[in-house]
Amino acid sequence: MALVKRTLQVANQARCKFLDWRKKRLQDKLSETQKKLK
């Protein structure tokens, strides 16, 4: 069972990193768009 737990842990970390990255990218795009509009 430990292996399954470990795998889930790694998967969760990867998902968190991905979501973090996506959020940052979206915010970057948003600020870029706002700069263009001003």
PDB file of N, CA and C in Angstrom:
ATOM      1  N   MET A   1       0.824  -1.212   0.000  1.00  0.00           N
ATOM      2  CA  MET A   1       0.000   0.000   0.000  1.00  0.00           C
ATOM      3  C   MET A   1       0.861   1.267   0.000  1.00  0.00           C
ATOM      4  N   ALA A   2       2.037   1.163   0.586  1.00  0.00           N
ATOM      5  CA  ALA A   2       2.911   2.338   0.668  1.00  0.00           C
ATOM      6  C   ALA A   2       3.234   2.869  -0.731  1.00  0.00           C
ATOM      7  N   LEU A   3       3.410   1.943  -1.662  1.00  0.00           N
ATOM      8  CA  LEU A   3       3.755   2.342  -3.027  1.00  0.00           C
ATOM      9  C   LEU A   3       2.618   3.155  -3.644  1.00  0.00           C
ATOM     10  N   VAL A   4       1.397   2.697  -3.409  1.00  0.00           N
ATOM     11  CA  VAL A   4       0.231   3.412  -3.943  1.00  0.00           C
ATOM     12  C   VAL A   4       0.167   4.816  -3.352  1.00  0.00           C
ATOM     13  N   LYS A   5       0.389   4.889  -2.047  1.00  0.00           N
ATOM     14  CA  LYS A   5       0.359   6.188  -1.358  1.00  0.00           C
ATOM     15  C   LYS A   5       1.404   7.119  -1.957  1.00  0.00           C
ATOM     16  N   ARG A   6       2.595   6.573  -2.157  1.00  0.00           N
ATOM     17  CA  ARG A   6       3.701   7.360  -2.703  1.00  0.00           C
ATOM     18  C   ARG A   6       3.350   7.858  -4.108  1.00  0.00           C
ATOM     19  N   THR A   7       2.786   6.972  -4.903  1.00  0.00           N
ATOM     20  CA  THR A   7       2.422   7.339  -6.275  1.00  0.00           C
ATOM     21  C   THR A   7       1.391   8.461  -6.276  1.00  0.00           C
ATOM     22  N   LEU A   8       0.404   8.345  -5.389  1.00  0.00           N
ATOM     23  CA  LEU A   8      -0.621   9.380  -5.291  1.00  0.00           C
ATOM     24  C   LEU A   8       0.000  10.701  -4.867  1.00  0.00           C
ATOM     25  N   GLN A   9       0.940  10.628  -3.953  1.00  0.00           N
ATOM     26  CA  GLN A   9       1.628  11.823  -3.463  1.00  0.00           C
ATOM     27  C   GLN A   9       2.324  12.532  -4.618  1.00  0.00           C
ATOM     28  N   VAL A  10       3.062  11.748  -5.387  1.00  0.00           N
ATOM     29  CA  VAL A  10       3.801  12.309  -6.521  1.00  0.00           C
ATOM     30  C   VAL A  10       2.828  12.903  -7.538  1.00  0.00           C
ATOM     31  N   ALA A  11       1.735  12.189  -7.787  1.00  0.00           N
ATOM     32  CA  ALA A  11       0.738  12.670  -8.746  1.00  0.00           C
ATOM     33  C   ALA A  11       0.130  13.985  -8.269  1.00  0.00           C
ATOM     34  N   ASN A  12      -0.156  14.055  -6.978  1.00  0.00           N
ATOM     35  CA  ASN A  12      -0.724  15.280  -6.411  1.00  0.00           C
ATOM     36  C   ASN A  12       0.236  16.444  -6.564  1.00  0.00           C
ATOM     37  N   GLN A  13       1.510  16.199  -6.272  1.00  0.00           N
ATOM     38  CA  GLN A  13       2.520  17.249  -6.387  1.00  0.00           C
ATOM     39  C   GLN A  13       2.614  17.739  -7.829  1.00  0.00           C
ATOM     40  N   ALA A  14       2.587  16.798  -8.755  1.00  0.00           N
ATOM     41  CA  ALA A  14       2.685  17.155 -10.167  1.00  0.00           C
ATOM     42  C   ALA A  14       1.481  18.005 -10.563  1.00  0.00           C
ATOM     43  N   ARG A  15       0.299  17.606 -10.074  1.00  0.00           N
ATOM     44  CA  ARG A  15      -0.910  18.348 -10.409  1.00  0.00           C
ATOM     45  C   ARG A  15      -0.854  19.761  -9.835  1.00  0.00           C
ATOM     46  N   CYS A  16      -0.393  19.863  -8.602  1.00  0.00           N
ATOM     47  CA  CYS A  16      -0.282  21.176  -7.954  1.00  0.00           C
ATOM     48  C   CYS A  16       0.677  22.066  -8.732  1.00  0.00           C
ATOM     49  N   LYS A  17       1.802  21.496  -9.123  1.00  0.00           N
ATOM     50  CA  LYS A  17       2.794  22.264  -9.887  1.00  0.00           C
ATOM     51  C   LYS A  17       2.197  22.728 -11.202  1.00  0.00           C
ATOM     52  N   PHE A  18       1.461  21.834 -11.860  1.00  0.00           N
ATOM     53  CA  PHE A  18       0.855  22.170 -13.145  1.00  0.00           C
ATOM     54  C   PHE A  18      -0.170  23.284 -12.980  1.00  0.00           C
ATOM     55  N   LEU A  19      -1.031  23.149 -11.951  1.00  0.00           N
ATOM     56  CA  LEU A  19      -2.057  24.163 -11.720  1.00  0.00           C
ATOM     57  C   LEU A  19      -1.425  25.505 -11.397  1.00  0.00           C
ATOM     58  N   ASP A  20      -0.363  25.465 -10.598  1.00  0.00           N
ATOM     59  CA  ASP A  20       0.371  26.683 -10.246  1.00  0.00           C
ATOM     60  C   ASP A  20       0.891  27.358 -11.504  1.00  0.00           C
ATOM     61  N   TRP A  21       1.520  26.544 -12.356  1.00  0.00           N
ATOM     62  CA  TRP A  21       2.113  27.045 -13.591  1.00  0.00           C
ATOM     63  C   TRP A  21       1.040  27.646 -14.487  1.00  0.00           C
ATOM     64  N   ARG A  22      -0.104  26.923 -14.592  1.00  0.00           N
ATOM     65  CA  ARG A  22      -1.176  27.396 -15.452  1.00  0.00           C
ATOM     66  C   ARG A  22      -1.722  28.730 -14.947  1.00  0.00           C
ATOM     67  N   LYS A  23      -1.878  28.822 -13.616  1.00  0.00           N
ATOM     68  CA  LYS A  23      -2.394  30.047 -13.008  1.00  0.00           C
ATOM     69  C   LYS A  23      -1.462  31.219 -13.300  1.00  0.00           C
ATOM     70  N   LYS A  24      -0.163  30.981 -13.122  1.00  0.00           N
ATOM     71  CA  LYS A  24       0.828  32.035 -13.372  1.00  0.00           C
ATOM     72  C   LYS A  24       0.779  32.471 -14.826  1.00  0.00           C
ATOM     73  N   ARG A  25       0.665  31.485 -15.722  1.00  0.00           N
ATOM     74  CA  ARG A  25       0.649  31.793 -17.146  1.00  0.00           C
ATOM     75  C   ARG A  25      -0.584  32.622 -17.495  1.00  0.00           C
ATOM     76  N   LEU A  26      -1.719  32.236 -16.928  1.00  0.00           N
ATOM     77  CA  LEU A  26      -2.948  32.971 -17.207  1.00  0.00           C
ATOM     78  C   LEU A  26      -2.840  34.403 -16.698  1.00  0.00           C
ATOM     79  N   GLN A  27      -2.256  34.568 -15.516  1.00  0.00           N
ATOM     80  CA  GLN A  27      -2.101  35.908 -14.952  1.00  0.00           C
ATOM     81  C   GLN A  27      -1.167  36.744 -15.822  1.00  0.00           C
ATOM     82  N   ASP A  28      -0.117  36.114 -16.321  1.00  0.00           N
ATOM     83  CA  ASP A  28       0.817  36.818 -17.210  1.00  0.00           C
ATOM     84  C   ASP A  28       0.092  37.299 -18.463  1.00  0.00           C
ATOM     85  N   LYS A  29      -0.688  36.392 -19.059  1.00  0.00           N
ATOM     86  CA  LYS A  29      -1.423  36.736 -20.272  1.00  0.00           C
ATOM     87  C   LYS A  29      -2.397  37.865 -19.991  1.00  0.00           C
ATOM     88  N   LEU A  30      -3.033  37.790 -18.826  1.00  0.00           N
ATOM     89  CA  LEU A  30      -4.017  38.791 -18.441  1.00  0.00           C
ATOM     90  C   LEU A  30      -3.371  40.166 -18.329  1.00  0.00           C
ATOM     91  N   SER A  31      -2.237  40.229 -17.648  1.00  0.00           N
ATOM     92  CA  SER A  31      -1.567  41.523 -17.466  1.00  0.00           C
ATOM     93  C   SER A  31      -1.047  42.041 -18.804  1.00  0.00           C
ATOM     94  N   GLU A  32      -0.619  41.134 -19.667  1.00  0.00           N
ATOM     95  CA  GLU A  32      -0.168  41.549 -21.000  1.00  0.00           C
ATOM     96  C   GLU A  32      -1.326  42.197 -21.748  1.00  0.00           C
ATOM     97  N   THR A  33      -2.478  41.534 -21.697  1.00  0.00           N
ATOM     98  CA  THR A  33      -3.669  42.041 -22.383  1.00  0.00           C
ATOM     99  C   THR A  33      -4.063  43.399 -21.837  1.00  0.00           C
ATOM    100  N   GLN A  34      -4.021  43.546 -20.520  1.00  0.00           N
ATOM    101  CA  GLN A  34      -4.387  44.818 -19.900  1.00  0.00           C
ATOM    102  C   GLN A  34      -3.423  45.921 -20.320  1.00  0.00           C
ATOM    103  N   LYS A  35      -2.151  45.583 -20.434  1.00  0.00           N
ATOM    104  CA  LYS A  35      -1.156  46.571 -20.863  1.00  0.00           C
ATOM    105  C   LYS A  35      -1.471  47.052 -22.279  1.00  0.00           C
ATOM    106  N   LYS A  36      -1.865  46.109 -23.138  1.00  0.00           N
ATOM    107  CA  LYS A  36      -2.164  46.454 -24.523  1.00  0.00           C
ATOM    108  C   LYS A  36      -3.394  47.351 -24.600  1.00  0.00           C
ATOM    109  N   LEU A  37      -4.358  47.101 -23.713  1.00  0.00           N
ATOM    110  CA  LEU A  37      -5.595  47.875 -23.736  1.00  0.00           C
ATOM    111  C   LEU A  37      -5.381  49.306 -23.266  1.00  0.00           C
ATOM    112  N   LYS A  38      -4.460  49.509 -22.365  1.00  0.00           N
ATOM    113  CA  LYS A  38      -4.241  50.850 -21.805  1.00  0.00           C
ATOM    114  C   LYS A  38      -3.591  51.790 -22.805  1.00  0.00           C
TER     115      LYS A  38
END
